[in-house]
């Protein structure tokens, strides 16, 4: 954490290890049962032991938006044109 802003998301795995994933590199988080898949711009997928709701509370509010009860999308990868939201 620098200047009070969280820049990495701590992700817990079943084996007890923790990774710190750059928030700016996360495309979206997807709920899969009691776990969460985290898809990144480097085409890597992380499988977290934490639930989507738990992970959603950690990054700063403008970093992600809940677009469905099973998906949270990084605001860095969205464009709003009128009423149309484009996610890439």
Protein backbone atom coordinates (compact mmCIF):
# COMPACT_ATOMS: atom_id res chain seq x y z
CA UNK A 1 0.00 0.00 0.00
CA UNK A 2 1.40 3.34 -1.05
CA UNK A 3 -0.18 6.69 -0.27
CA UNK A 4 -3.17 4.88 1.29
CA UNK A 5 -4.26 3.19 -1.96
CA UNK A 6 -4.34 -0.59 -2.27
CA UNK A 7 -2.54 -1.59 -5.50
CA UNK A 8 -2.55 -5.39 -5.11
CA UNK A 9 -5.29 -7.85 -4.24
CA UNK A 10 -4.30 -10.59 -1.75
CA UNK A 11 -5.61 -13.96 -2.97
CA UNK A 12 -5.64 -17.10 -0.80
CA UNK A 13 -5.26 -20.63 -2.17
CA UNK A 14 -6.30 -24.03 -0.80
CA UNK A 15 -2.69 -24.86 0.11
CA UNK A 16 -2.55 -21.78 2.37
CA UNK A 17 -0.33 -19.66 0.13
CA UNK A 18 -1.19 -16.08 -0.79
CA UNK A 19 -0.49 -14.19 -4.04
CA UNK A 20 -0.62 -10.44 -4.45
CA UNK A 21 -2.20 -9.64 -7.83
CA UNK A 22 -1.93 -6.17 -9.36
CA UNK A 23 -5.40 -4.62 -9.31
CA UNK A 24 -4.78 -2.74 -12.57
CA UNK A 25 -4.10 -6.06 -14.32
CA UNK A 26 -7.39 -7.73 -13.37
CA UNK A 27 -10.03 -7.92 -16.12
CA UNK A 28 -12.72 -9.51 -13.95
CA UNK A 29 -13.54 -11.74 -11.01
CA UNK A 30 -16.02 -14.59 -11.48
CA UNK A 31 -17.85 -16.53 -8.76
CA UNK A 32 -17.53 -20.31 -9.11
CA UNK A 33 -19.37 -21.89 -6.22
CA UNK A 34 -17.53 -20.99 -3.03
CA UNK A 35 -14.39 -19.98 -4.92
CA UNK A 36 -13.51 -17.10 -7.25
CA UNK A 37 -11.71 -17.11 -10.59
CA UNK A 38 -9.61 -14.04 -11.27
CA UNK A 39 -8.85 -13.35 -14.94
CA UNK A 40 -5.95 -11.03 -15.73
CA UNK A 41 -4.72 -9.13 -18.78
CA UNK A 42 -1.73 -11.49 -18.94
CA UNK A 43 -4.22 -14.27 -19.74
CA UNK A 44 -3.54 -15.93 -16.41
CA UNK A 45 -6.38 -17.26 -14.29
CA UNK A 46 -6.09 -17.45 -10.51
CA UNK A 47 -8.42 -19.71 -8.51
CA UNK A 48 -9.02 -18.17 -5.09
CA UNK A 49 -10.38 -19.92 -2.04
CA UNK A 50 -12.20 -16.69 -1.12
CA UNK A 51 -15.74 -15.90 -2.16
CA UNK A 52 -16.44 -13.12 -4.65
CA UNK A 53 -18.11 -10.92 -2.01
CA UNK A 54 -15.07 -11.18 0.27
CA UNK A 55 -12.65 -10.21 -2.51
CA UNK A 56 -14.92 -7.38 -3.68
CA UNK A 57 -14.54 -5.58 -0.35
CA UNK A 58 -10.73 -5.30 -0.59
CA UNK A 59 -9.86 -3.07 -3.58
CA UNK A 60 -10.76 0.63 -3.68
CA UNK A 61 -14.35 1.28 -4.83
CA UNK A 62 -13.66 2.75 -8.28
CA UNK A 63 -11.42 -0.19 -9.28
CA UNK A 64 -14.30 -2.63 -9.95
CA UNK A 65 -18.01 -2.64 -10.68
CA UNK A 66 -20.51 -5.42 -9.98
CA UNK A 67 -22.20 -6.12 -13.33
CA UNK A 68 -23.87 -9.40 -12.32
CA UNK A 69 -24.10 -11.33 -9.07
CA UNK A 70 -21.36 -13.64 -10.35
CA UNK A 71 -19.08 -11.07 -12.03
CA UNK A 72 -17.10 -8.03 -10.95
CA UNK A 73 -15.33 -6.21 -13.79
CA UNK A 74 -12.29 -3.94 -13.59
CA UNK A 75 -13.30 -0.37 -14.42
CA UNK A 76 -10.05 0.08 -16.32
CA UNK A 77 -11.41 -2.26 -19.02
CA UNK A 78 -14.82 -0.64 -19.59
CA UNK A 79 -16.14 2.10 -21.84
CA UNK A 80 -19.58 3.66 -21.45
CA UNK A 81 -21.08 5.00 -24.70
CA UNK A 82 -24.52 6.40 -23.98
CA UNK A 83 -26.43 3.51 -22.38
CA UNK A 84 -24.05 0.87 -23.76
CA UNK A 85 -21.33 -0.56 -21.52
CA UNK A 86 -18.48 -2.17 -23.46
CA UNK A 87 -16.19 -4.49 -21.53
CA UNK A 88 -12.91 -5.59 -23.09
